[in-house]
Structure formats: structure tokens, C-alpha cells
Amino acid sequence: MQRIAPAAVFLACFHLLFASPLMGQTKQPNLLIIFPDQWRGQALGEVGREPVKTPNLDKLAAQSIVFTEAVSNWPVCSPYRAMLMSGQYPPANGVVSNCNTQTASIHCQLKTETRCWSDVLHDHGYRLGYVGKWHLETPHEPYIDCANNRGSMKWNEWTPPNRRHGFDFWYAYNTYDYHLKPLYWSTDAPRDGFKYVDAWSPTHEADMAIRYIRNEGGSYRQADAPFALVVAMNPPHMPYDQVPDQYKKLYADVPIEDLVKQPDIPPAGTEWGDYYRKNIRNYYAMMSGVDEQIGRILAALDDAGLSENTIVMFSSDHGNCLGIHDEIAKSNRFEEAMRIPLFIRWTGTLSPRHDDLLISVPDFYPTLLSLMGLRDAIPDAVQGVDRSTILKTGRGDRPAAQLYFRMTYQNLARGERGVRTHQYKLVIDHPLKDGEATTCLYDLKADPYELKNLAAENPQIVQQMTDQLLMPELKRIGDPWATDKP
């Protein structure tokens, strides 16, 4: 009988006790995040409020925890994306408005030194892919020669490899709204090496995601390592006519009366009422088209035998008023802008259900990493709260409110701040120019369409929410609005 040297036994035991828990694809879950742009949380078939056709997302919802009260805390593109990636609120991560030339003077972009969840996963052996819209880069001269950069404000820019935060497969752009002929930079493309594609952007991005998942020949990622893939589609973002006819046909014969039943939609004959009626069919058509592409991606995950070992998150960066409350789209306090879809599926681990947790975007980072076994790797700078115990058991401390921001990048001590509870939404606006602060209070249970401001007749509720919910949380995250009043 062959004897094993004591040293070999020691080394074997050491390896079993201390080897990285990320060794081996079968033990570490993969992560798939899909988030289209400007998809309001009310517009899903499974919600039953709007007549939009989303069969694939309805199926995903039945397999997921559906967060019925999820919001985008600052409902506009770049701030959401920075909160998602950094786990910090805008005053801390520095992305206080959209990344474009208007905000370039304050260096409004995701900081290179920010430790994103993707950096953590990369350092723990994950392979990472990003497909689609990034919108966390400030354009600079000489500006990229593309349609989104030909007006007075520039939007699109290349993201150099040292600013991709661990994503080693890159097929992305920052902002480009021509959905029927999109452009992309691939992983190794230089700044002037972007390529146009003759396809609808969600279809093409689903194609790329499927290739990444299938990983034929190991050409997209290291086959024996866990992976995280983000697919950030632009539609249903404006312009709404940028959608293939096959999806437009789904709503062509739906009477307009069936699409405008909500009491907060302005009447026909008004500027914003007519805007809503002009665009709502195409908005829904985009959603149905994106839904079909998400179905293709999830089917590829099934076909590859990866579904049970992959956490899937579906969400959006913000909603869309589409003229409701006389608001063109997002960056406002109303539910159509703030409310976002949020599904998290981990087959066999998380029990499907609906949950009214008042979850906030910075919470996604620590919650996902904790689910993936990396709680101890969450940086101290993360301001979001780990909600993974609630996801796994339904029990745990639940937040009383969610923060709301509408920031003025010229002066962070001004602008709107608010809190949203299960019953009330409070918003206080300190205007950029001198003037009295205004306050709005809505009873979301009695008045879900936010038609009546109750602030003047309920000063005690306003004061209580301000003192107990709004100001302590703003001070915790270091918001100048709470500490540097002029």
C-alpha cells in the first residue's frame, strides 16, 4: 500500500479548508441582469393595470420574487446606473445628473476609483460581460461623430478599458437613441472604432447575450469560471417610432379609449394629452418587442442548463410619464417616473412571491453580493442595505421609506428631496433660484394617481416625515441638501 507523505495530507486539508469558494462553476451562482430603459413599473401584463402584452416577463414574474414597491430613487438614466453599480446614492457617487456635456464641468461620471459590484466579482474569479447602454461617461473633445453628438449637447462617448469596472467582455455605447441602426464599441475597439448595426437594438443585443451564454468554443468567456452578464437595452426609450412594424401591429387596432383610462392622463386636445395618445401604442410596442428578446435570452439560459445556477434580475432605470402630469418622461416625483419593475429569480433557492419591500436601488448591490456568498467583500463605502435575508426568508428588518431625489447639478443644496412610504409620498423643493420652498404630500393609498396635494392640510404628517424619515437619512448619506442650506 502506497503511503502518503504527511506534507501532502496537510496541503490537501489546507486546500479544502481555505481554497476560494469561487472555484468551480457549479457552486458559485452566475448573475444575469437585464434592464431596459424607461420602463414604468405599472406597465406589465402581470400587474394588470395597463393593456400591454408581456408574456415572457409574466412567466418570469411567476418564477421570481416580484417587488411591487420598487422605485428609482433619482429617476433618470445616469444616476440610476451609478447607484446600481456603486451601491451609493448620488451625493456620494458623484453622478448627480445625466452624463453629457452640460454636466461635464462637475465631472459627472462614474469615478474610476469607485469599487463597483462588478469589480468585486472580477476580483473573486468571475468573468463579466456588458451589452448595451452604459451612460456613465462624460463626452469630451474631439467628440465622437455620431447623431447624438451633433446638437449643442453631446451625449455619446467611448468607455476606455480602465473605466469598465471589471467587465472583460464589452459590447456597449454610452448614449445612442437610433434604435433601428445602433452603434457599439466591442471589447478591443479603439475610440474611433465603433460600428453600426442594421438591426433593432434589443434584437441585436439579445443575439450578443445569447452568444455570451452559449460561449461556443470558449470565445466569449472562460468556460470554467462563474459569470455575470448585464444586458442594458435602450427601448422603450424615446423616440417611440423606432420599433419594428411587427410589434407596432400588436396595438394597431386597439381603440385609443382602452389605452387612456387612467385619471392622471391629460385630456385629448391638450399638449400632453395628445402627446400621450400619439406615443402610447409605440411605447407598448417597444415593451412587447423587448419582452420577446428577454424571452429568447432566458430560453438560451435554459438550453445551456444554467437556469438553476443563475440569479436573474429584471428591472429598469426609471419609468415614464409620457405626458402624464404634463411631464414628458422621467426625472420627476410622480409614480409613473419613480416606479420600476423588479424581479429577482433564483430557481430552487428563492421562493416566488410578491413582496412590498420598500427596496431602493443602492440596496441591489449588497443584496446580490450577499446572495452570491460575498457578504464579507461588500465595501464599507456602499450605502445600500443588504436585504438578502428578506429575500431568502421573508423575515428581517424592513425600511420605513425610500428616498427620492431630483438634483440640481449647479447647487446640490437645492432641488427636490423626498421620501416614499407605503402610504405617503413627501417631496420638498428648494428652487435653484431664490424663492420659497414648496411641499407636496400625496396619500398613495387613497390617491394612487397623485391628483391632490395634501401638504397644506396635514402639516403634522409633513413635519413627522421630514424629521423622522427624510432628514436623518439624507444626513446619513452626506447629502448637502440636508446640511448646507443657504
Protein backbone atom coordinates (compact mmCIF):
# COMPACT_ATOMS: atom_id res chain seq x y z
CA MET A 1 0.00 0.00 0.00
CA GLN A 2 1.39 3.36 -1.01
CA ARG A 3 1.96 5.74 1.89
CA ILE A 4 1.00 9.39 1.56
CA ALA A 5 3.51 11.88 2.88
CA PRO A 6 2.33 13.97 5.84
CA ALA A 7 3.10 17.15 3.92
CA ALA A 8 0.77 16.09 1.12
CA VAL A 9 -2.01 15.38 3.62
CA PHE A 10 -1.50 18.81 5.18
CA LEU A 11 -1.63 20.54 1.80
CA ALA A 12 -4.80 18.69 0.82
CA CYS A 13 -6.52 19.63 4.06
CA PHE A 14 -5.33 23.23 3.72
CA HIS A 15 -6.81 23.39 0.23
CA LEU A 16 -10.16 22.03 1.38
CA LEU A 17 -10.36 24.45 4.28
CA PHE A 18 -9.07 27.62 2.70
CA ALA A 19 -9.45 27.39 -1.05
CA SER A 20 -11.53 30.17 -2.64
CA PRO A 21 -15.25 29.40 -2.51
CA LEU A 22 -15.43 30.68 -6.09
CA MET A 23 -13.53 27.72 -7.51
CA GLY A 24 -15.95 25.71 -9.57
CA GLN A 25 -18.85 26.88 -11.71
CA THR A 26 -21.36 24.56 -10.07
CA LYS A 27 -21.13 26.16 -6.61
CA GLN A 28 -20.95 29.85 -7.37
CA PRO A 29 -24.11 31.30 -8.93
CA ASN A 30 -23.94 33.22 -12.16
CA LEU A 31 -25.68 36.58 -12.40
CA LEU A 32 -27.80 37.91 -15.27
CA ILE A 33 -29.12 41.48 -15.04
CA ILE A 34 -31.48 42.72 -17.75
CA PHE A 35 -32.69 46.28 -17.58
CA PRO A 36 -34.35 48.19 -20.42
CA ASP A 37 -34.58 51.96 -20.27
CA GLN A 38 -37.66 53.97 -19.29
CA TRP A 39 -39.99 51.06 -18.48
CA ARG A 40 -42.52 52.10 -15.84
CA GLY A 41 -43.41 49.53 -13.23
CA GLN A 42 -47.13 49.76 -13.85
CA ALA A 43 -46.83 48.60 -17.48
CA LEU A 44 -46.58 44.83 -17.23
CA GLY A 45 -49.13 42.19 -18.07
CA GLU A 46 -48.76 40.57 -14.65
CA VAL A 47 -49.65 43.86 -12.92
CA GLY A 48 -52.98 44.00 -14.74
CA ARG A 49 -53.19 47.79 -14.82
CA GLU A 50 -52.24 48.60 -18.40
CA PRO A 51 -53.12 46.62 -21.56
CA VAL A 52 -49.54 45.81 -22.51
CA LYS A 53 -48.55 42.36 -23.80
CA THR A 54 -45.55 40.92 -21.93
CA PRO A 55 -45.95 37.12 -21.87
CA ASN A 56 -42.29 36.31 -21.25
CA LEU A 57 -41.97 38.73 -18.36
CA ASP A 58 -45.25 37.46 -16.94
CA LYS A 59 -43.73 33.97 -16.95
CA LEU A 60 -40.54 35.28 -15.32
CA ALA A 61 -42.62 37.05 -12.67
CA ALA A 62 -44.31 33.76 -11.77
CA GLN A 63 -40.84 32.29 -11.11
CA SER A 64 -39.46 35.28 -9.19
CA ILE A 65 -39.78 37.50 -6.18
CA VAL A 66 -41.70 40.46 -7.60
CA PHE A 67 -41.04 43.69 -5.71
CA THR A 68 -44.29 45.59 -6.02
CA GLU A 69 -42.92 48.82 -4.49
CA ALA A 70 -39.51 49.14 -6.15
CA VAL A 71 -38.51 52.67 -7.19
CA SER A 72 -35.76 54.52 -8.95
CA ASN A 73 -34.63 56.92 -6.24
CA TRP A 74 -33.43 59.55 -8.74
CA PRO A 75 -35.48 58.59 -11.79
CA VAL A 76 -33.20 59.47 -14.65
CA CYS A 77 -30.68 57.38 -16.60
CA SER A 78 -27.16 58.06 -15.34
CA PRO A 79 -27.96 58.45 -11.62
CA TYR A 80 -29.79 55.11 -11.58
CA ARG A 81 -26.91 53.37 -13.32
CA ALA A 82 -24.39 54.84 -10.92
CA MET A 83 -26.49 53.80 -7.91
CA LEU A 84 -26.81 50.30 -9.37
CA MET A 85 -23.08 49.94 -9.96
CA SER A 86 -21.75 51.69 -6.83
CA GLY A 87 -24.35 50.92 -4.16
CA GLN A 88 -24.16 54.61 -3.25
CA TYR A 89 -26.64 57.45 -3.52
CA PRO A 90 -25.84 60.30 -5.95
CA PRO A 91 -24.23 62.71 -3.44
CA ALA A 92 -21.64 60.01 -2.67
CA ASN A 93 -21.02 58.53 -6.13
CA GLY A 94 -20.94 61.93 -7.86
CA VAL A 95 -23.38 61.12 -10.66
CA VAL A 96 -25.97 63.71 -9.72
CA SER A 97 -27.45 64.16 -13.19
CA ASN A 98 -27.17 62.71 -16.69
CA CYS A 99 -23.68 62.34 -18.10
CA ASN A 100 -23.36 64.79 -21.00
CA THR A 101 -21.50 67.97 -21.88
CA GLN A 102 -23.89 70.07 -19.78
CA THR A 103 -22.64 68.39 -16.60
CA ALA A 104 -19.02 67.91 -17.71
CA SER A 105 -17.87 70.88 -15.61
CA ILE A 106 -18.67 68.99 -12.40
CA HIS A 107 -17.08 65.74 -13.67
CA CYS A 108 -20.43 63.97 -13.63
CA GLN A 109 -19.45 60.40 -14.42
CA LEU A 110 -18.79 57.16 -12.58
CA LYS A 111 -15.46 57.53 -10.81
CA THR A 112 -12.62 55.25 -11.86
CA GLU A 113 -11.80 54.57 -8.22
CA THR A 114 -15.35 53.58 -7.25
CA ARG A 115 -15.44 49.91 -6.29
CA CYS A 116 -18.45 48.56 -8.14
CA TRP A 117 -20.02 45.17 -7.52
CA SER A 118 -18.51 44.12 -10.85
CA ASP A 119 -15.03 44.93 -9.52
CA VAL A 120 -15.72 42.70 -6.53
CA LEU A 121 -16.90 39.81 -8.70
CA HIS A 122 -13.96 40.21 -11.06
CA ASP A 123 -11.52 40.02 -8.14
CA HIS A 124 -13.26 36.84 -6.95
CA GLY A 125 -12.83 34.94 -10.18
CA TYR A 126 -15.91 35.93 -12.17
CA ARG A 127 -15.92 36.68 -15.89
CA LEU A 128 -18.07 39.69 -16.71
CA GLY A 129 -19.90 40.86 -19.81
CA TYR A 130 -21.70 44.13 -20.55
CA VAL A 131 -24.01 44.54 -23.54
CA GLY A 132 -25.88 47.72 -24.44
CA LYS A 133 -26.27 51.17 -22.89
CA TRP A 134 -23.76 52.29 -20.24
CA HIS A 135 -24.37 56.08 -19.97
CA LEU A 136 -21.81 56.72 -17.25
CA GLU A 137 -19.17 58.55 -19.31
CA THR A 138 -18.73 62.29 -19.94
CA PRO A 139 -18.22 63.14 -23.65
CA HIS A 140 -15.03 65.04 -24.41
CA GLU A 141 -13.39 66.69 -27.39
CA PRO A 142 -12.89 65.75 -30.13
CA TYR A 143 -16.47 64.49 -29.87
CA ILE A 144 -17.46 61.14 -31.35
CA ASP A 145 -19.02 61.82 -34.77
CA CYS A 146 -22.49 60.35 -34.35
CA ALA A 147 -26.07 61.59 -34.37
CA ASN A 148 -26.39 62.02 -30.59
CA ASN A 149 -23.39 64.36 -30.61
CA ARG A 150 -24.42 66.74 -33.38
CA GLY A 151 -26.60 69.05 -31.31
CA SER A 152 -25.47 71.65 -28.82
CA MET A 153 -25.35 68.99 -26.09
CA LYS A 154 -23.16 65.90 -26.61
CA TRP A 155 -24.15 62.53 -25.16
CA ASN A 156 -22.18 59.61 -26.56
CA GLU A 157 -18.65 58.57 -25.66
CA TRP A 158 -16.29 55.61 -25.67
CA THR A 159 -15.51 53.96 -22.33
CA PRO A 160 -11.81 53.05 -22.13
CA PRO A 161 -10.90 49.63 -20.70
CA ASN A 162 -9.58 51.06 -17.42
CA ARG A 163 -13.04 52.53 -16.73
CA ARG A 164 -15.09 49.38 -17.37
CA HIS A 165 -15.01 48.21 -13.76
CA GLY A 166 -14.07 44.59 -14.30
CA PHE A 167 -16.15 43.89 -17.42
CA ASP A 168 -13.80 41.93 -19.66
CA PHE A 169 -16.35 41.41 -22.46
CA TRP A 170 -17.62 44.76 -23.70
CA TYR A 171 -20.19 45.43 -26.39
CA ALA A 172 -21.61 48.80 -25.49
CA TYR A 173 -22.07 52.51 -26.03
CA ASN A 174 -22.95 55.34 -23.69
CA THR A 175 -25.99 57.03 -25.20
CA TYR A 176 -27.33 56.46 -28.70
CA ASP A 177 -31.05 56.66 -29.42
CA TYR A 178 -31.31 55.49 -33.02
CA HIS A 179 -32.66 52.07 -32.15
CA LEU A 180 -33.09 50.82 -35.71
CA LYS A 181 -29.40 51.34 -36.55
CA PRO A 182 -27.46 51.29 -33.29
CA LEU A 183 -23.72 51.57 -32.80
CA TYR A 184 -21.36 49.71 -30.47
CA TRP A 185 -17.79 49.53 -29.30
CA SER A 186 -16.52 45.97 -28.93
CA THR A 187 -14.02 44.91 -26.27
CA ASP A 188 -10.86 45.77 -28.21
CA ALA A 189 -12.20 48.61 -30.34
CA PRO A 190 -10.38 51.95 -30.06
CA ARG A 191 -12.27 55.21 -29.58
CA ASP A 192 -12.77 55.69 -33.32
CA GLY A 193 -13.57 52.00 -33.86
CA PHE A 194 -17.33 51.90 -33.21
CA LYS A 195 -19.52 50.00 -35.66
CA TYR A 196 -23.11 50.47 -36.81
CA VAL A 197 -25.50 47.52 -36.99
CA ASP A 198 -28.54 47.17 -39.27
CA ALA A 199 -30.89 45.70 -36.67
CA TRP A 200 -33.23 46.79 -33.90
CA SER A 201 -31.00 47.27 -30.88
CA PRO A 202 -32.86 44.93 -28.45
CA THR A 203 -32.82 42.12 -31.02
CA HIS A 204 -29.12 42.56 -31.69
CA GLU A 205 -28.28 42.81 -28.00
CA ALA A 206 -30.25 39.66 -27.29
CA ASP A 207 -28.22 37.96 -30.03
CA MET A 208 -25.00 39.02 -28.32
CA ALA A 209 -26.26 37.94 -24.90
CA ILE A 210 -27.20 34.52 -26.27
CA ARG A 211 -23.74 34.12 -27.79
CA TYR A 212 -22.19 35.03 -24.45
CA ILE A 213 -24.36 32.49 -22.62
CA ARG A 214 -23.69 29.71 -25.13
CA ASN A 215 -19.99 30.59 -25.22
CA GLU A 216 -19.31 28.31 -28.18
CA GLY A 217 -15.66 27.37 -28.33
CA GLY A 218 -14.99 29.40 -25.19
CA SER A 219 -14.75 32.53 -27.35
CA TYR A 220 -16.72 34.87 -25.06
CA ARG A 221 -15.64 33.95 -21.54
CA GLN A 222 -13.60 31.50 -19.52
CA ALA A 223 -15.73 28.37 -19.58
CA ASP A 224 -14.89 27.05 -16.11
CA ALA A 225 -15.46 30.36 -14.27
CA PRO A 226 -18.74 31.80 -13.00
CA PHE A 227 -20.02 34.78 -14.97
CA ALA A 228 -22.07 37.94 -14.59
CA LEU A 229 -23.76 39.43 -17.64
CA VAL A 230 -25.57 42.77 -17.89
CA VAL A 231 -27.91 43.44 -20.84
CA ALA A 232 -28.96 47.10 -20.84
CA MET A 233 -31.43 47.73 -23.65
CA ASN A 234 -32.40 51.25 -24.68
CA PRO A 235 -36.07 50.80 -25.76
CA PRO A 236 -38.70 51.57 -24.61
CA HIS A 237 -36.78 54.85 -24.53
CA MET A 238 -37.81 57.62 -26.93
CA PRO A 239 -38.05 58.12 -29.93
CA TYR A 240 -41.01 55.78 -29.78
CA ASP A 241 -41.38 55.25 -33.52
CA GLN A 242 -38.00 53.45 -33.57
CA VAL A 243 -39.57 49.99 -33.32
CA PRO A 244 -40.14 47.27 -35.95
CA ASP A 245 -43.57 47.10 -37.60
CA GLN A 246 -44.18 43.57 -36.31
CA TYR A 247 -44.53 44.96 -32.78
CA LYS A 248 -46.50 48.02 -33.85
CA LYS A 249 -49.12 45.70 -35.33
CA LEU A 250 -49.84 44.26 -31.87
CA TYR A 251 -51.52 47.53 -30.87
CA ALA A 252 -52.60 48.99 -34.21
CA ASP A 253 -56.25 48.01 -33.75
CA VAL A 254 -56.58 48.67 -30.03
CA PRO A 255 -59.05 51.55 -29.52
CA ILE A 256 -57.37 54.58 -28.04
CA GLU A 257 -60.08 54.68 -25.36
CA ASP A 258 -58.71 51.40 -24.00
CA LEU A 259 -55.27 52.99 -23.60
CA VAL A 260 -56.18 56.19 -21.78
CA LYS A 261 -58.36 55.10 -18.87
CA GLN A 262 -56.13 56.42 -16.06
CA PRO A 263 -57.43 59.63 -14.46
CA ASP A 264 -53.99 61.28 -14.48
CA ILE A 265 -53.67 61.19 -18.28
CA PRO A 266 -54.37 64.70 -19.63
CA PRO A 267 -57.43 65.01 -21.89
CA ALA A 268 -57.35 65.00 -25.68
CA GLY A 269 -56.86 68.44 -27.14
CA THR A 270 -54.14 69.37 -24.63
CA GLU A 271 -50.43 69.34 -25.46
CA TRP A 272 -49.56 66.45 -23.19
CA GLY A 273 -52.82 64.58 -23.62
CA ASP A 274 -52.22 64.49 -27.37
CA TYR A 275 -48.58 63.53 -26.81
CA TYR A 276 -49.66 60.54 -24.74
CA ARG A 277 -52.19 59.43 -27.35
CA LYS A 278 -49.67 59.81 -30.15
CA ASN A 279 -46.99 57.67 -28.49
CA ILE A 280 -48.66 55.13 -26.19
CA ARG A 281 -49.11 52.43 -28.85
CA ASN A 282 -45.47 52.58 -29.86
CA TYR A 283 -44.36 52.66 -26.21
CA TYR A 284 -46.24 49.42 -25.64
CA ALA A 285 -44.95 48.02 -28.95
CA MET A 286 -41.37 48.59 -27.75
CA MET A 287 -42.17 46.81 -24.50
CA SER A 288 -43.63 43.80 -26.31
CA GLY A 289 -40.56 43.68 -28.55
CA VAL A 290 -38.19 43.84 -25.61
CA ASP A 291 -40.27 41.18 -23.86
CA GLU A 292 -39.75 38.86 -26.82
CA GLN A 293 -35.98 39.39 -26.71
CA ILE A 294 -35.88 38.74 -22.97
CA GLY A 295 -37.72 35.50 -23.62
CA ARG A 296 -35.03 34.50 -26.11
CA ILE A 297 -32.26 35.22 -23.59
CA LEU A 298 -33.95 33.22 -20.84
CA ALA A 299 -34.57 30.33 -23.24
CA ALA A 300 -30.85 30.29 -24.07
CA LEU A 301 -30.09 30.12 -20.35
CA ASP A 302 -32.43 27.12 -20.08
CA ASP A 303 -30.94 25.43 -23.14
CA ALA A 304 -27.46 25.80 -21.70
CA GLY A 305 -28.54 24.16 -18.44
CA LEU A 306 -27.66 27.29 -16.47
CA SER A 307 -31.02 28.47 -15.16
CA GLU A 308 -30.86 26.91 -11.70
CA ASN A 309 -27.35 28.23 -11.10
CA THR A 310 -28.05 31.76 -12.32
CA ILE A 311 -29.61 34.63 -10.41
CA VAL A 312 -31.73 36.64 -12.85
CA MET A 313 -32.69 40.24 -12.13
CA PHE A 314 -35.04 42.23 -14.34
CA SER A 315 -35.57 45.93 -13.71
CA SER A 316 -35.44 49.37 -15.37
CA ASP A 317 -33.58 52.59 -14.72
CA HIS A 318 -36.79 54.61 -14.25
CA GLY A 319 -40.32 54.87 -15.51
CA ASN A 320 -42.03 57.15 -17.99
CA CYS A 321 -44.88 59.66 -17.63
CA LEU A 322 -45.29 60.04 -21.39
CA GLY A 323 -47.25 63.24 -20.78
CA ILE A 324 -48.97 62.20 -17.54
CA HIS A 325 -48.97 65.12 -15.08
CA ASP A 326 -47.70 67.23 -18.01
CA GLU A 327 -44.28 65.52 -17.75
CA ILE A 328 -42.58 64.35 -20.92
CA ALA A 329 -40.95 61.26 -19.38
CA LYS A 330 -38.87 60.86 -16.20
CA SER A 331 -36.86 62.95 -13.68
CA ASN A 332 -39.91 63.84 -11.62
CA ARG A 333 -41.68 62.79 -8.40
CA PHE A 334 -44.68 61.01 -9.87
CA GLU A 335 -45.26 57.28 -9.61
CA GLU A 336 -45.10 56.74 -13.38
CA ALA A 337 -41.50 58.02 -13.29
CA MET A 338 -40.38 56.54 -9.96
CA ARG A 339 -41.94 53.07 -10.02
CA ILE A 340 -39.87 50.43 -11.74
CA PRO A 341 -40.27 46.71 -12.29
CA LEU A 342 -38.02 44.49 -10.20
CA PHE A 343 -37.98 40.69 -10.42
CA ILE A 344 -35.30 38.52 -8.86
CA ARG A 345 -35.28 34.81 -9.73
CA TRP A 346 -33.04 32.11 -8.33
CA THR A 347 -34.71 28.84 -9.16
CA GLY A 348 -34.66 26.38 -6.28
CA THR A 349 -33.30 28.92 -3.80
CA LEU A 350 -35.71 31.87 -3.66
CA SER A 351 -39.42 31.15 -3.33
CA PRO A 352 -41.52 33.04 -5.91
CA ARG A 353 -43.91 35.59 -4.42
CA HIS A 354 -44.92 39.23 -4.41
CA ASP A 355 -43.21 41.37 -1.77
CA ASP A 356 -43.95 45.01 -0.89
CA LEU A 357 -40.44 45.66 0.47
CA LEU A 358 -39.53 49.34 0.10
CA ILE A 359 -36.29 48.47 -1.65
CA SER A 360 -34.01 51.17 -3.08
CA VAL A 361 -31.54 50.97 -5.96
CA PRO A 362 -28.36 51.11 -3.80
CA ASP A 363 -29.69 48.04 -1.94
CA PHE A 364 -29.33 45.91 -5.08
CA TYR A 365 -25.51 45.79 -4.81
CA PRO A 366 -25.14 44.41 -1.25
CA THR A 367 -28.22 42.21 -1.60
CA LEU A 368 -26.96 40.46 -4.73
CA LEU A 369 -23.40 40.05 -3.46
CA SER A 370 -24.69 38.61 -0.20
CA LEU A 371 -26.90 36.15 -2.06
CA MET A 372 -23.81 35.12 -4.02
CA GLY A 373 -21.85 34.37 -0.84
CA LEU A 374 -19.75 37.54 -0.86
CA ARG A 375 -21.20 39.50 2.05
CA ASP A 376 -17.76 39.98 3.59
CA ALA A 377 -16.48 41.52 0.35
CA ILE A 378 -19.02 44.36 0.30
CA PRO A 379 -17.03 47.63 0.61
CA ASP A 380 -17.65 49.92 3.56
CA ALA A 381 -18.42 52.75 1.15
CA VAL A 382 -21.62 51.03 0.00
CA GLN A 383 -24.64 52.91 1.37
CA GLY A 384 -27.31 50.45 0.32
CA VAL A 385 -28.59 47.87 2.78
CA ASP A 386 -28.33 44.09 2.36
CA ARG A 387 -31.89 42.76 2.04
CA SER A 388 -30.90 39.18 1.23
CA THR A 389 -32.36 37.71 4.44
CA ILE A 390 -35.76 39.09 3.48
CA LEU A 391 -35.40 37.58 0.02
CA LYS A 392 -34.49 34.18 1.44
CA THR A 393 -36.88 34.01 4.39
CA GLY A 394 -39.40 36.83 4.07
CA ARG A 395 -38.27 37.99 7.51
CA GLY A 396 -35.99 40.77 8.65
CA ASP A 397 -35.87 44.49 9.28
CA ARG A 398 -37.80 46.39 6.64
CA PRO A 399 -37.18 50.02 5.77
CA ALA A 400 -39.93 52.52 6.56
CA ALA A 401 -39.31 54.64 3.45
CA GLN A 402 -37.42 55.17 0.21
CA LEU A 403 -35.54 58.34 -0.68
CA TYR A 404 -36.38 60.48 -3.71
CA PHE A 405 -34.03 62.93 -5.42
CA ARG A 406 -34.38 65.49 -8.16
CA MET A 407 -31.00 67.12 -8.05
CA THR A 408 -29.83 70.44 -9.45
CA TYR A 409 -26.24 69.83 -10.51
CA GLN A 410 -25.47 73.57 -10.25
CA ASN A 411 -26.12 73.55 -6.49
CA LEU A 412 -26.59 70.28 -4.62
CA ALA A 413 -28.11 72.08 -1.63
CA ARG A 414 -31.10 72.92 -3.83
CA GLY A 415 -33.61 70.84 -5.77
CA GLU A 416 -36.15 68.28 -4.62
CA ARG A 417 -35.81 65.66 -1.90
CA GLY A 418 -38.46 63.36 -0.58
CA VAL A 419 -39.46 60.08 1.00
CA ARG A 420 -41.97 57.49 -0.09
CA THR A 421 -43.68 55.13 2.36
CA HIS A 422 -46.37 52.54 1.78
CA GLN A 423 -48.99 55.24 2.32
CA TYR A 424 -47.47 58.68 1.73
CA LYS A 425 -45.05 60.44 -0.56
CA LEU A 426 -43.49 63.68 0.69
CA VAL A 427 -41.47 65.93 -1.64
CA ILE A 428 -39.88 69.27 -0.65
CA ASP A 429 -38.49 71.53 -3.37
CA HIS A 430 -35.90 74.20 -2.66
CA PRO A 431 -35.77 76.02 -6.01
CA LEU A 432 -32.41 76.77 -7.62
CA LYS A 433 -33.19 80.47 -7.68
CA ASP A 434 -34.27 82.35 -4.59
CA GLY A 435 -37.80 81.54 -3.59
CA GLU A 436 -39.94 79.80 -1.03
CA ALA A 437 -39.73 76.04 -0.68
CA THR A 438 -42.77 74.14 -1.87
CA THR A 439 -44.06 70.91 -0.35
CA CYS A 440 -46.14 68.10 -1.84
CA LEU A 441 -47.76 65.30 0.13
CA TYR A 442 -49.70 62.53 -1.56
CA ASP A 443 -51.70 59.72 0.01
CA LEU A 444 -50.73 56.84 -2.28
CA LYS A 445 -53.40 54.55 -0.89
CA ALA A 446 -56.36 56.92 -1.18
CA ASP A 447 -55.00 58.77 -4.22
CA PRO A 448 -52.72 56.42 -6.20
CA TYR A 449 -52.69 58.76 -9.21
CA GLU A 450 -51.40 61.69 -7.11
CA LEU A 451 -54.13 64.11 -8.08
CA LYS A 452 -54.35 66.02 -4.77
CA ASN A 453 -51.58 67.68 -2.78
CA LEU A 454 -52.43 67.25 0.92
CA ALA A 455 -49.44 69.11 2.40
CA ALA A 456 -51.25 72.30 3.45
CA GLU A 457 -53.93 70.45 5.41
CA ASN A 458 -51.59 67.91 7.02
CA PRO A 459 -48.66 69.87 8.49
CA GLN A 460 -48.17 67.30 11.25
CA ILE A 461 -47.60 64.48 8.75
CA VAL A 462 -45.21 66.68 6.76
CA GLN A 463 -43.23 67.54 9.89
CA GLN A 464 -43.14 63.98 11.15
CA MET A 465 -41.96 62.56 7.83
CA THR A 466 -39.37 65.31 7.47
CA ASP A 467 -37.95 64.89 10.98
CA GLN A 468 -38.12 61.12 11.32
CA LEU A 469 -37.60 59.81 7.78
CA LEU A 470 -36.18 62.39 5.38
CA MET A 471 -33.55 64.39 7.25
CA PRO A 472 -31.89 61.55 9.18
CA GLU A 473 -31.41 59.51 6.02
CA LEU A 474 -30.11 62.45 3.97
CA LYS A 475 -27.62 63.23 6.74
CA ARG A 476 -26.55 59.57 6.87
CA ILE A 477 -25.62 59.59 3.18
CA GLY A 478 -23.97 63.03 3.30
CA ASP A 479 -26.41 64.97 1.12
CA PRO A 480 -25.64 68.74 1.11
CA TRP A 481 -29.38 69.40 0.79
CA ALA A 482 -29.72 68.42 4.47
CA THR A 483 -26.56 70.05 5.81
CA ASP A 484 -25.65 73.08 3.67
CA LYS A 485 -28.83 75.10 3.42
CA PRO A 486 -28.15 78.61 2.06
